[in-house]
Amino acid sequence: MKKTSILKEKSFAFAVRIVKLSEFIQEKKIFVLNNQILRSGTAIGALIYEAEYAQSNADFINKFSIALKETNETMYWLSLLEATNYIDTNLYESLNVDCNELISMLVATIKTLKNK
């Protein structure tokens, strides 16, 4: 599945960005928000990678569905960080674009698999 490999690449690159963001946030001593965004932002790629060895089509869809939820949660934390001025609007918008792209790809993949 070519789409899955693109999704794996994009989710991994996004996780790298989240880890770097986490390092920046950690300096500001907002540990709870840091832990939340680090957990949800890196879980996306981990779930996509985990789905590669799913036991069934239903398991694969489940992993992608959880990744979709984690992406949505990450968007929440990014919005909160921007609204509280812990990250600037440019960084927020850049990460938000990545999140929306991941959501679109995950939704499309889930819909395709459910229609098989």
Foldseek 3Di string as FASTA:
>chain_A
DVLLVVLLVLLVVQLVVLVVVLVLLVVVVPVVLSVLLNVLSNLLNVLSVVLVPAPDLVRSLVSLVVSLVSLVSNLVSLVVCPVVVVDDPVVSVVSVVSSVVSNVSSVVVSVVSVVD
